[in-house]
Amino acid sequence: MTSLLREKLLKDNPDLEASLAVNEKKRGLALAMRSLRKKAGLTQLGVAEKSGLSQSHVSKIEAATGPRPQTETLIKYAEACGADVWIEFLEKDARPAEAPTRLAVAAL
């Protein structure tokens, strides 16, 4: 979301800030997962077939809102995309250097 659009939306709806804050970490994780999948040249169905997850589950974990996936799900997803999961704890408000394709527990 561009900063101008964000400012306009927040001005028009002050309660939106709280909603955005609640979903920020899940949204970042979802974007990283979609980026990883696309880099691997896979569709959601392709990830589902390789990981043993259902396509609807893949869709839900790639959604910007909703529950965050469990660690085992992250591992299955990453392996289906030919990647490993690296778990890292970051200080509050720190950002991974290689965002958005790094998946870190801090985003969970």
Protein backbone atom coordinates (compact mmCIF):
# COMPACT_ATOMS: atom_id res chain seq x y z
CA MET A 1 0.00 0.00 0.00
CA THR A 2 1.43 3.36 -0.97
CA SER A 3 1.95 5.90 1.78
CA LEU A 4 -0.49 8.40 0.21
CA LEU A 5 -3.24 5.80 -0.04
CA ARG A 6 -2.52 4.63 3.50
CA GLU A 7 -2.72 8.20 4.85
CA LYS A 8 -6.04 8.79 3.07
CA LEU A 9 -7.53 5.53 4.30
CA LEU A 10 -6.40 6.21 7.88
CA LYS A 11 -7.78 9.75 7.76
CA ASP A 12 -11.15 8.45 6.53
CA ASN A 13 -11.24 5.56 9.02
CA PRO A 14 -9.26 6.00 12.27
CA ASP A 15 -10.10 2.45 13.45
CA LEU A 16 -8.21 1.06 10.45
CA GLU A 17 -4.83 1.73 12.14
CA ALA A 18 -5.54 -0.86 14.84
CA SER A 19 -6.66 -3.40 12.25
CA LEU A 20 -3.53 -2.86 10.15
CA ALA A 21 -1.30 -3.24 13.20
CA VAL A 22 -2.94 -6.52 14.19
CA ASN A 23 -2.38 -8.03 10.74
CA GLU A 24 1.05 -6.53 9.94
CA LYS A 25 3.11 -9.57 10.96
CA LYS A 26 0.79 -12.06 9.25
CA ARG A 27 0.75 -9.90 6.12
CA GLY A 28 4.56 -9.80 6.02
CA LEU A 29 4.76 -13.56 6.42
CA ALA A 30 2.14 -14.12 3.72
CA LEU A 31 4.02 -11.86 1.28
CA ALA A 32 7.27 -13.69 1.99
CA MET A 33 5.63 -17.06 1.40
CA ARG A 34 4.02 -15.99 -1.87
CA SER A 35 7.34 -14.53 -3.00
CA LEU A 36 9.10 -17.81 -2.18
CA ARG A 37 6.46 -19.80 -4.07
CA LYS A 38 6.62 -17.59 -7.14
CA LYS A 39 10.43 -17.66 -7.12
CA ALA A 40 10.17 -21.47 -7.17
CA GLY A 41 7.83 -21.21 -10.18
CA LEU A 42 4.97 -22.93 -8.39
CA THR A 43 1.25 -22.35 -8.17
CA GLN A 44 -0.65 -22.83 -4.92
CA LEU A 45 -1.76 -26.20 -6.26
CA GLY A 46 1.86 -27.11 -6.98
CA VAL A 47 2.88 -26.30 -3.41
CA ALA A 48 -0.10 -28.27 -2.14
CA GLU A 49 0.83 -31.34 -4.17
CA LYS A 50 4.49 -31.22 -3.12
CA SER A 51 3.81 -30.47 0.55
CA GLY A 52 0.82 -32.67 1.30
CA LEU A 53 -1.19 -29.60 2.29
CA SER A 54 -4.51 -28.85 0.60
CA GLN A 55 -4.70 -26.02 -1.92
CA SER A 56 -7.22 -24.25 0.31
CA HIS A 57 -4.78 -24.47 3.24
CA VAL A 58 -2.01 -23.00 1.08
CA SER A 59 -4.39 -20.19 0.10
CA LYS A 60 -5.23 -19.47 3.75
CA ILE A 61 -1.61 -19.34 4.88
CA GLU A 62 -0.81 -16.98 2.00
CA ALA A 63 -3.68 -14.69 3.02
CA ALA A 64 -2.78 -11.36 4.64
CA THR A 65 -5.17 -11.97 7.53
CA GLY A 66 -6.19 -14.91 9.64
CA PRO A 67 -4.25 -17.34 11.79
CA ARG A 68 -0.51 -17.69 11.37
CA PRO A 69 0.72 -21.10 10.19
CA GLN A 70 2.32 -23.57 12.56
CA THR A 71 6.06 -24.23 12.31
CA GLU A 72 5.51 -27.68 10.75
CA THR A 73 3.35 -26.09 8.05
CA LEU A 74 6.09 -23.54 7.31
CA ILE A 75 8.61 -26.37 6.95
CA LYS A 76 6.37 -28.33 4.54
CA TYR A 77 5.69 -25.20 2.50
CA ALA A 78 9.37 -24.22 2.33
CA GLU A 79 10.49 -27.73 1.36
CA ALA A 80 7.88 -27.82 -1.41
CA CYS A 81 9.45 -24.59 -2.73
CA GLY A 82 12.97 -26.03 -2.51
CA ALA A 83 13.90 -23.91 0.50
CA ASP A 84 14.75 -24.33 4.16
CA VAL A 85 13.21 -22.55 7.13
CA TRP A 86 15.66 -20.60 9.24
CA ILE A 87 14.26 -19.68 12.65
CA GLU A 88 15.65 -16.49 14.08
CA PHE A 89 14.71 -14.31 17.02
CA LEU A 90 14.94 -10.58 16.38
CA GLU A 91 14.86 -7.68 18.77
CA LYS A 92 11.57 -5.84 18.80
CA ASP A 93 11.09 -3.67 15.71
CA ALA A 94 14.17 -5.17 13.97
CA ARG A 95 13.72 -6.18 10.35
CA PRO A 96 15.45 -9.08 8.59
CA ALA A 97 18.08 -7.86 6.13
CA GLU A 98 16.68 -9.86 3.20
CA ALA A 99 12.96 -9.21 3.58
CA PRO A 100 10.52 -10.25 2.14
CA THR A 101 11.80 -13.74 1.27
CA ARG A 102 13.24 -14.60 4.69
CA LEU A 103 10.84 -16.35 7.05
CA ALA A 104 11.61 -15.71 10.69
CA VAL A 105 9.87 -16.70 13.88
CA ALA A 106 9.74 -13.00 14.73
CA ALA A 107 7.06 -12.74 12.03
CA LEU A 108 5.04 -15.47 13.70
